[in-house]
Amino acid sequence: MTMPDDLIYLDYQATTPCDPRVVAEMMPWFTERFANPHSLDHAAGRAAHDAVEQARAEVAAILGAEVREIVLTSGATEANNIAIKGAVRHLLDRGDARRRVITLATEHKCVLESVRDLAREGCEPVILPVRADGTLDPDVLADALSVPTLLVSIMAANNETGVVQDMAALAPLVRNAGALLHSDLAQAVGKMDVDVRAWDLDLASVSGHKLYGPKGVGALFVRRRPRVRLTPLFSGGGQERGLRSGTLPAPLVIGFGAACRIARDEGPAERARVAGLRDRLLAALRAGCDGIHVHGVMSGSGRLAGNLNLRFDGVRALDLLAAVPQLCLSTGSACSSAEVTPSYVLTAMGLDRDQAAGGLRLAVGRYTSPADVDRAAVILCQAVARCRAQGSVSPHDGHTAQAG
């Protein structure tokens, strides 16, 4: 698969291209097999329903869940909102006296904002710090759980750094405290082994477009035993277990299921290949230029196979991105017309503002070739040299000129 205009795509954590095999499975359901999967009064509707249920089974299989534990959504953002707000509101409606809701400073914005939103409903949001490598200290979690807690949300794999949390070690702390445990698995599913049972999760969120499926579809795992109950976020026909109303987009759901099946079948071999490409890229960058710092855990299973998050001494990420228009990369910084806001994930890991402003996210994936990696390393190193030669930044590590 090639990019337009000879671009090299190294942003597989932002989104993945839809696998052609997934597209092939979806296409008939857009045209000749277009029936509503909830129209069970006729054969066409029942065929769409059956295909959706087969896709649901594929989603359940990649998570290690039961089919009836899968609620289909528009993506992980919706699933995260339903999980966090829905679970907490149900407990509050039952008269639960607990008010604390815990998450991490490095979570996706939709999780952080969902937890913060609950403060308006009388809850106590607690945002835990992480260590310099991006992982959560179990003692910090245990201390936070000393106050009765409703729910804890911990992302399994970070969307910027690729750092993997030790869910199997953290889950017992949450279970012993009597709180619910939710995990945003959007980056994890398809890129590492995931097992909601082994991790003792109550709730978990998934997104189709992160694992070579279509955009606009995802899922929420809702544990049945012990049963987790949720208050729906909006009203309607109650199509998804009474938790998520609205007509399901059958073509997208079917594509999501196909993507999960492919990831489950081919995942181990793909991860080994992708990890090799990631390591090849880092080696080539280090051979071509000095002053490289990798952010977060780099060893073994502590990081997603395809991810690199790094900075180059004396180079601001936005300047570097402007110098490499043929590369598709992410900076982790949000820009406005007035200023550059460095990545909150990197600052939560202890980087100062200037260091965080140098952070770049590179992610290789299914359609990255060795030639792509080698060419990207050359382009990046040449651009780093040009940026340094322009003298617009301080030569010291991370101390870049202020945006303005």
Protein backbone atom coordinates (compact mmCIF):
# COMPACT_ATOMS: atom_id res chain seq x y z
CA MET A 1 0.00 0.00 0.00
CA THR A 2 1.47 3.35 -1.06
CA MET A 3 0.75 6.87 0.11
CA PRO A 4 -0.15 9.70 -2.31
CA ASP A 5 2.69 11.79 -3.69
CA ASP A 6 5.28 9.38 -2.34
CA LEU A 7 4.58 10.25 1.29
CA ILE A 8 5.91 7.98 4.02
CA TYR A 9 3.28 7.29 6.66
CA LEU A 10 4.71 6.97 10.18
CA ASP A 11 1.62 7.86 12.23
CA TYR A 12 0.02 4.46 12.83
CA GLN A 13 -1.02 5.39 16.36
CA ALA A 14 -3.16 8.28 15.10
CA THR A 15 -4.98 5.96 12.72
CA THR A 16 -4.33 2.98 10.49
CA PRO A 17 -5.27 2.49 6.85
CA CYS A 18 -8.26 0.24 6.35
CA ASP A 19 -6.95 -3.17 5.31
CA PRO A 20 -8.10 -3.96 1.73
CA ARG A 21 -9.45 -7.30 3.00
CA VAL A 22 -11.61 -5.36 5.46
CA VAL A 23 -12.87 -3.05 2.71
CA ALA A 24 -13.75 -6.05 0.55
CA GLU A 25 -15.90 -7.52 3.33
CA MET A 26 -17.66 -4.21 3.97
CA MET A 27 -18.52 -3.18 0.40
CA PRO A 28 -21.55 -5.44 -0.26
CA TRP A 29 -23.22 -4.17 2.91
CA PHE A 30 -23.14 -0.59 1.58
CA THR A 31 -24.94 -1.48 -1.63
CA GLU A 32 -26.86 -4.67 -2.43
CA ARG A 33 -27.00 -5.92 1.21
CA PHE A 34 -28.00 -2.61 2.77
CA ALA A 35 -30.83 -3.71 5.09
CA ASN A 36 -31.19 -2.46 8.65
CA PRO A 37 -29.70 -5.07 11.01
CA HIS A 38 -32.55 -4.39 13.44
CA SER A 39 -35.23 -5.23 10.83
CA LEU A 40 -35.82 -8.83 11.81
CA ASP A 41 -39.18 -9.14 10.06
CA HIS A 42 -37.62 -9.98 6.69
CA ALA A 43 -34.74 -12.02 5.29
CA ALA A 44 -32.57 -9.07 4.27
CA GLY A 45 -32.70 -7.59 7.76
CA ARG A 46 -31.98 -10.95 9.37
CA ALA A 47 -28.95 -11.42 7.08
CA ALA A 48 -27.56 -8.05 8.16
CA HIS A 49 -28.29 -8.91 11.80
CA ASP A 50 -26.47 -12.22 11.52
CA ALA A 51 -23.44 -10.57 9.92
CA VAL A 52 -23.33 -7.96 12.69
CA GLU A 53 -23.51 -10.68 15.34
CA GLN A 54 -20.67 -12.58 13.68
CA ALA A 55 -18.61 -9.38 13.77
CA ARG A 56 -19.51 -8.91 17.44
CA ALA A 57 -18.16 -12.41 18.08
CA GLU A 58 -14.86 -11.47 16.44
CA VAL A 59 -14.57 -8.40 18.69
CA ALA A 60 -15.30 -10.55 21.73
CA ALA A 61 -12.70 -13.11 20.68
CA ILE A 62 -9.84 -10.63 20.40
CA LEU A 63 -10.66 -9.36 23.91
CA GLY A 64 -11.20 -12.76 25.52
CA ALA A 65 -14.79 -11.77 26.31
CA GLU A 66 -18.23 -13.28 25.87
CA VAL A 67 -20.21 -12.15 22.83
CA ARG A 68 -23.00 -10.74 25.00
CA GLU A 69 -20.48 -8.57 26.84
CA ILE A 70 -19.80 -6.47 23.73
CA VAL A 71 -21.71 -3.22 23.20
CA LEU A 72 -21.04 -1.67 19.79
CA THR A 73 -20.35 2.08 19.69
CA SER A 74 -19.08 4.77 17.33
CA GLY A 75 -15.54 4.41 18.70
CA ALA A 76 -13.46 4.45 21.85
CA THR A 77 -14.34 8.05 22.76
CA GLU A 78 -18.00 7.16 23.05
CA ALA A 79 -17.17 3.88 24.78
CA ASN A 80 -14.99 5.67 27.33
CA ASN A 81 -17.75 8.16 28.08
CA ILE A 82 -20.38 5.44 28.48
CA ALA A 83 -18.10 3.38 30.72
CA ILE A 84 -16.93 6.12 33.07
CA LYS A 85 -20.02 8.28 33.30
CA GLY A 86 -22.48 5.43 32.96
CA ALA A 87 -20.95 3.30 35.70
CA VAL A 88 -20.46 6.14 38.15
CA ARG A 89 -23.94 7.57 37.60
CA HIS A 90 -25.55 4.17 38.13
CA LEU A 91 -23.75 3.75 41.45
CA LEU A 92 -24.65 7.28 42.54
CA ASP A 93 -28.29 6.72 41.59
CA ARG A 94 -28.31 3.68 43.87
CA GLY A 95 -27.20 5.85 46.78
CA ASP A 96 -23.54 4.83 46.86
CA ALA A 97 -21.68 7.05 49.33
CA ARG A 98 -18.34 6.86 47.53
CA ARG A 99 -17.28 9.85 45.44
CA ARG A 100 -13.69 9.26 44.30
CA VAL A 101 -12.93 8.52 40.62
CA ILE A 102 -9.29 7.85 39.71
CA THR A 103 -7.33 8.04 36.47
CA LEU A 104 -3.81 8.90 35.25
CA ALA A 105 -2.32 12.17 34.05
CA THR A 106 -1.29 10.50 30.77
CA GLU A 107 -4.73 9.24 29.76
CA HIS A 108 -6.46 10.19 26.53
CA LYS A 109 -8.30 13.50 26.75
CA CYS A 110 -11.71 11.84 26.53
CA VAL A 111 -10.97 9.87 29.70
CA LEU A 112 -9.52 12.84 31.57
CA GLU A 113 -12.44 15.06 30.62
CA SER A 114 -15.01 12.37 31.44
CA VAL A 115 -13.54 12.01 34.93
CA ARG A 116 -13.35 15.78 35.40
CA ASP A 117 -16.95 16.19 34.19
CA LEU A 118 -18.11 14.03 37.11
CA ALA A 119 -16.92 16.70 39.54
CA ARG A 120 -20.05 18.66 38.58
CA GLU A 121 -22.08 15.72 39.85
CA GLY A 122 -20.43 15.67 43.27
CA CYS A 123 -17.55 13.31 42.51
CA GLU A 124 -13.90 13.74 43.48
CA PRO A 125 -11.68 13.38 40.40
CA VAL A 126 -8.17 12.16 41.28
CA ILE A 127 -5.52 12.39 38.53
CA LEU A 128 -2.50 10.28 39.46
CA PRO A 129 1.07 11.08 38.38
CA VAL A 130 3.23 8.60 36.49
CA ARG A 131 6.90 7.76 36.77
CA ALA A 132 9.54 9.13 34.40
CA ASP A 133 9.15 6.07 32.16
CA GLY A 134 5.40 6.65 31.86
CA THR A 135 4.28 3.77 34.10
CA LEU A 136 2.08 4.01 37.17
CA ASP A 137 3.67 3.22 40.55
CA PRO A 138 1.41 0.61 42.22
CA ASP A 139 2.08 2.23 45.60
CA VAL A 140 0.68 5.52 44.29
CA LEU A 141 -2.47 3.73 43.15
CA ALA A 142 -2.78 1.85 46.44
CA ASP A 143 -2.51 5.10 48.37
CA ALA A 144 -5.20 6.74 46.24
CA LEU A 145 -7.46 3.74 46.77
CA SER A 146 -7.22 4.13 50.55
CA VAL A 147 -10.18 6.48 50.12
CA PRO A 148 -13.33 4.55 49.04
CA THR A 149 -13.41 4.73 45.24
CA LEU A 150 -16.12 4.21 42.65
CA LEU A 151 -14.04 3.61 39.54
CA VAL A 152 -10.46 3.58 38.26
CA SER A 153 -9.59 4.11 34.58
CA ILE A 154 -6.13 3.09 33.35
CA MET A 155 -5.12 3.06 29.68
CA ALA A 156 -3.39 -0.21 28.79
CA ALA A 157 -1.09 1.34 26.17
CA ASN A 158 -0.47 5.06 25.79
CA ASN A 159 -1.47 6.78 22.59
CA GLU A 160 1.62 9.02 22.47
CA THR A 161 4.47 7.06 24.00
CA GLY A 162 3.30 3.49 23.46
CA VAL A 163 4.11 2.76 27.11
CA VAL A 164 2.26 -0.32 28.40
CA GLN A 165 0.88 -0.40 31.93
CA ASP A 166 1.13 -3.62 33.95
CA MET A 167 -2.63 -4.20 34.14
CA ALA A 168 -2.26 -7.67 35.67
CA ALA A 169 -0.38 -6.16 38.62
CA LEU A 170 -2.59 -3.08 39.03
CA ALA A 171 -5.97 -4.82 38.74
CA PRO A 172 -5.80 -6.67 42.09
CA LEU A 173 -5.28 -3.36 43.90
CA VAL A 174 -8.46 -2.01 42.36
CA ARG A 175 -10.42 -5.22 42.96
CA ASN A 176 -9.35 -5.44 46.61
CA ALA A 177 -10.47 -1.84 47.13
CA GLY A 178 -13.92 -2.66 45.76
CA ALA A 179 -13.75 -0.22 42.85
CA LEU A 180 -14.62 -0.84 39.21
CA LEU A 181 -11.72 -1.01 36.75
CA HIS A 182 -12.02 0.44 33.24
CA SER A 183 -9.29 0.41 30.60
CA ASP A 184 -9.03 2.32 27.34
CA LEU A 185 -7.73 -0.41 25.01
CA ALA A 186 -7.85 1.63 21.82
CA GLN A 187 -4.09 1.46 21.28
CA ALA A 188 -3.62 -2.01 22.74
CA VAL A 189 -6.02 -4.19 20.77
CA GLY A 190 -4.35 -5.64 17.71
CA LYS A 191 -0.91 -4.40 18.82
CA MET A 192 -0.41 -6.60 21.89
CA ASP A 193 -2.05 -9.54 23.61
CA VAL A 194 -5.22 -8.43 25.38
CA ASP A 195 -7.29 -10.50 27.81
CA VAL A 196 -10.04 -8.78 29.77
CA ARG A 197 -10.32 -11.83 32.04
CA ALA A 198 -6.63 -12.06 32.89
CA TRP A 199 -6.60 -8.32 33.59
CA ASP A 200 -9.80 -8.60 35.65
CA LEU A 201 -11.40 -5.68 33.84
CA ASP A 202 -14.97 -4.56 34.43
CA LEU A 203 -15.11 -2.26 31.43
CA ALA A 204 -12.91 -1.75 28.36
CA SER A 205 -13.05 0.42 25.23
CA VAL A 206 -11.93 -0.38 21.66
CA SER A 207 -11.75 1.57 18.39
CA GLY A 208 -11.90 0.05 14.90
CA HIS A 209 -9.64 2.49 13.08
CA LYS A 210 -6.65 1.78 15.33
CA LEU A 211 -6.40 -1.83 14.10
CA TYR A 212 -6.84 -1.46 10.32
CA GLY A 213 -10.63 -1.30 10.47
CA PRO A 214 -12.95 1.54 9.48
CA LYS A 215 -13.39 4.82 11.32
CA GLY A 216 -16.66 5.47 13.12
CA VAL A 217 -17.06 2.15 14.93
CA GLY A 218 -15.83 0.70 18.21
CA ALA A 219 -16.96 -1.29 21.19
CA LEU A 220 -17.36 -1.33 24.94
CA PHE A 221 -16.77 -4.49 26.94
CA VAL A 222 -19.19 -4.67 29.89
CA ARG A 223 -18.50 -7.48 32.34
CA ARG A 224 -21.41 -9.83 33.11
CA ARG A 225 -20.06 -11.75 36.12
CA PRO A 226 -19.95 -9.95 38.46
CA ARG A 227 -22.39 -7.85 36.49
CA VAL A 228 -21.53 -4.22 35.79
CA ARG A 229 -24.48 -1.91 35.34
CA LEU A 230 -24.46 1.40 33.48
CA THR A 231 -26.77 4.35 33.04
CA PRO A 232 -27.13 5.10 29.30
CA LEU A 233 -25.84 8.48 28.14
CA PHE A 234 -28.71 9.16 25.76
CA SER A 235 -32.24 7.97 25.08
CA GLY A 236 -33.52 5.96 22.15
CA GLY A 237 -34.55 2.51 21.06
CA GLY A 238 -32.04 0.77 23.31
CA GLN A 239 -30.60 -1.33 20.49
CA GLU A 240 -27.33 -2.26 22.21
CA ARG A 241 -28.31 -4.08 25.42
CA GLY A 242 -30.28 -1.01 26.41
CA LEU A 243 -27.00 0.87 26.85
CA ARG A 244 -26.43 2.47 23.46
CA SER A 245 -29.32 3.43 21.23
CA GLY A 246 -29.22 4.01 17.49
CA THR A 247 -29.17 1.97 14.30
CA LEU A 248 -25.90 0.10 13.99
CA PRO A 249 -23.81 0.90 10.87
CA ALA A 250 -23.71 -2.67 9.62
CA PRO A 251 -20.92 -2.18 7.04
CA LEU A 252 -18.63 -0.57 9.62
CA VAL A 253 -19.39 -3.20 12.25
CA ILE A 254 -18.69 -5.98 9.76
CA GLY A 255 -15.40 -4.32 8.82
CA PHE A 256 -14.52 -3.95 12.50
CA GLY A 257 -15.11 -7.66 13.01
CA ALA A 258 -12.96 -8.53 10.00
CA ALA A 259 -10.14 -6.32 11.29
CA CYS A 260 -10.29 -8.05 14.68
CA ARG A 261 -10.18 -11.47 13.05
CA ILE A 262 -7.14 -10.56 10.94
CA ALA A 263 -5.37 -9.04 13.94
CA ARG A 264 -6.01 -12.16 16.01
CA ASP A 265 -4.79 -14.49 13.26
CA GLU A 266 -1.75 -12.50 12.17
CA GLY A 267 -0.92 -10.41 15.24
CA PRO A 268 2.10 -12.23 16.71
CA ALA A 269 3.99 -12.37 13.41
CA GLU A 270 3.06 -8.79 12.57
CA ARG A 271 4.22 -7.48 15.94
CA ALA A 272 7.59 -9.16 15.53
CA ARG A 273 8.03 -7.62 12.07
CA VAL A 274 6.89 -4.17 13.21
CA ALA A 275 9.16 -4.24 16.26
CA GLY A 276 12.06 -5.03 13.96
CA LEU A 277 11.22 -2.06 11.76
CA ARG A 278 10.91 0.22 14.78
CA ASP A 279 14.32 -0.88 16.05
CA ARG A 280 15.79 -0.47 12.56
CA LEU A 281 14.45 3.07 12.40
CA LEU A 282 15.90 3.99 15.78
CA ALA A 283 19.28 2.47 14.90
CA ALA A 284 19.37 4.40 11.62
CA LEU A 285 18.49 7.66 13.36
CA ARG A 286 21.19 7.15 15.97
CA ALA A 287 23.71 6.36 13.26
CA GLY A 288 22.75 9.46 11.29
CA CYS A 289 22.58 12.10 14.02
CA ASP A 290 23.42 12.54 17.67
CA GLY A 291 21.49 13.92 20.61
CA ILE A 292 18.47 11.60 20.44
CA HIS A 293 16.36 10.92 23.54
CA VAL A 294 13.65 8.23 23.59
CA HIS A 295 10.72 8.90 25.92
CA GLY A 296 9.23 6.09 28.00
CA VAL A 297 9.91 2.40 28.48
CA MET A 298 11.92 0.96 25.59
CA SER A 299 12.52 -2.64 26.62
CA GLY A 300 10.52 -5.78 25.84
CA SER A 301 6.80 -5.81 26.41
CA GLY A 302 6.82 -2.42 28.13
CA ARG A 303 6.17 -0.57 24.86
CA LEU A 304 4.02 -1.13 21.80
CA ALA A 305 6.03 -2.76 19.03
CA GLY A 306 5.69 0.00 16.46
CA ASN A 307 6.07 3.11 18.59
CA LEU A 308 8.91 5.61 18.97
CA ASN A 309 8.49 8.82 20.90
CA LEU A 310 11.67 10.89 20.90
CA ARG A 311 13.30 14.27 20.66
CA PHE A 312 16.45 15.64 19.08
CA ASP A 313 18.66 17.99 21.09
CA GLY A 314 18.29 21.59 20.00
CA VAL A 315 15.37 21.01 17.63
CA ARG A 316 11.78 21.99 18.19
CA ALA A 317 9.32 19.40 16.90
CA LEU A 318 7.22 21.87 14.93
CA ASP A 319 10.30 23.16 13.11
CA LEU A 320 11.33 19.63 12.26
CA LEU A 321 7.86 18.70 10.99
CA ALA A 322 7.88 21.74 8.72
CA ALA A 323 11.23 20.58 7.32
CA VAL A 324 9.99 17.07 6.41
CA PRO A 325 6.75 17.51 4.41
CA GLN A 326 7.19 14.09 2.84
CA LEU A 327 6.87 12.35 6.24
CA CYS A 328 3.61 11.84 8.13
CA LEU A 329 4.49 12.21 11.82
CA SER A 330 2.84 13.54 14.98
CA THR A 331 4.23 16.07 17.40
CA GLY A 332 2.05 15.46 20.45
CA SER A 333 1.68 19.23 20.74
CA ALA A 334 -1.59 21.09 20.24
CA CYS A 335 -1.17 24.38 18.39
CA SER A 336 -3.18 27.55 18.44
CA SER A 337 -2.52 30.81 16.67
CA ALA A 338 -1.07 32.21 19.88
CA GLU A 339 1.14 29.47 21.28
CA VAL A 340 2.32 25.91 21.21
CA THR A 341 1.19 23.76 24.11
CA PRO A 342 3.67 20.93 24.72
CA SER A 343 2.39 17.38 25.14
CA TYR A 344 0.72 16.95 28.53
CA VAL A 345 1.74 13.27 28.40
CA LEU A 346 5.43 14.16 28.21
CA THR A 347 5.22 16.86 30.87
CA ALA A 348 3.43 14.37 33.14
CA MET A 349 6.49 12.13 32.71
CA GLY A 350 8.72 14.89 34.06
CA LEU A 351 9.94 16.64 30.92
CA ASP A 352 10.05 20.40 31.16
CA ARG A 353 8.04 22.52 28.76
CA ASP A 354 10.84 22.98 26.27
CA GLN A 355 11.82 19.33 26.24
CA ALA A 356 8.22 18.28 25.72
CA ALA A 357 7.96 20.73 22.82
CA GLY A 358 10.65 18.66 21.09
CA GLY A 359 8.68 15.42 21.30
CA LEU A 360 7.88 13.54 18.10
CA ARG A 361 5.77 10.40 17.76
CA LEU A 362 6.79 7.97 15.04
CA ALA A 363 4.81 4.77 14.58
CA VAL A 364 5.38 2.08 11.96
CA GLY A 365 2.79 -0.49 11.01
CA ARG A 366 1.40 -3.13 8.69
CA TYR A 367 2.27 -1.36 5.44
CA THR A 368 5.63 0.13 6.42
CA SER A 369 8.55 -1.32 4.46
CA PRO A 370 12.25 -1.48 5.32
CA ALA A 371 12.84 0.97 2.47
CA ASP A 372 10.36 3.40 4.04
CA VAL A 373 12.20 3.22 7.34
CA ASP A 374 15.62 3.74 5.78
CA ARG A 375 14.47 6.68 3.66
CA ALA A 376 12.63 8.28 6.58
CA ALA A 377 15.75 8.10 8.77
CA VAL A 378 17.83 9.84 6.10
CA ILE A 379 15.22 12.55 5.60
CA LEU A 380 14.88 13.15 9.35
CA CYS A 381 18.61 13.30 10.02
CA GLN A 382 19.16 15.72 7.17
CA ALA A 383 16.33 17.90 8.48
CA VAL A 384 17.73 17.82 12.03
CA ALA A 385 21.07 19.03 10.68
CA ARG A 386 19.37 21.86 8.78
CA CYS A 387 17.32 22.93 11.80
CA ARG A 388 20.39 22.96 14.02
CA ALA A 389 22.38 24.88 11.44
CA GLN A 390 19.73 27.59 11.25
CA GLY A 391 20.53 28.41 14.86
CA SER A 392 16.94 29.25 15.81
CA VAL A 393 17.12 27.17 18.96
CA SER A 394 19.41 26.74 21.93
CA PRO A 395 22.13 24.08 21.50
CA HIS A 396 21.34 22.69 24.93
CA ASP A 397 19.11 19.65 25.36
CA GLY A 398 15.47 20.60 25.18
CA HIS A 399 15.93 24.35 25.64
CA THR A 400 14.21 25.49 22.47
CA ALA A 401 13.22 28.98 21.55
CA GLN A 402 9.79 30.01 22.72
CA ALA A 403 7.04 29.89 20.11
CA GLY A 404 5.81 33.23 19.01
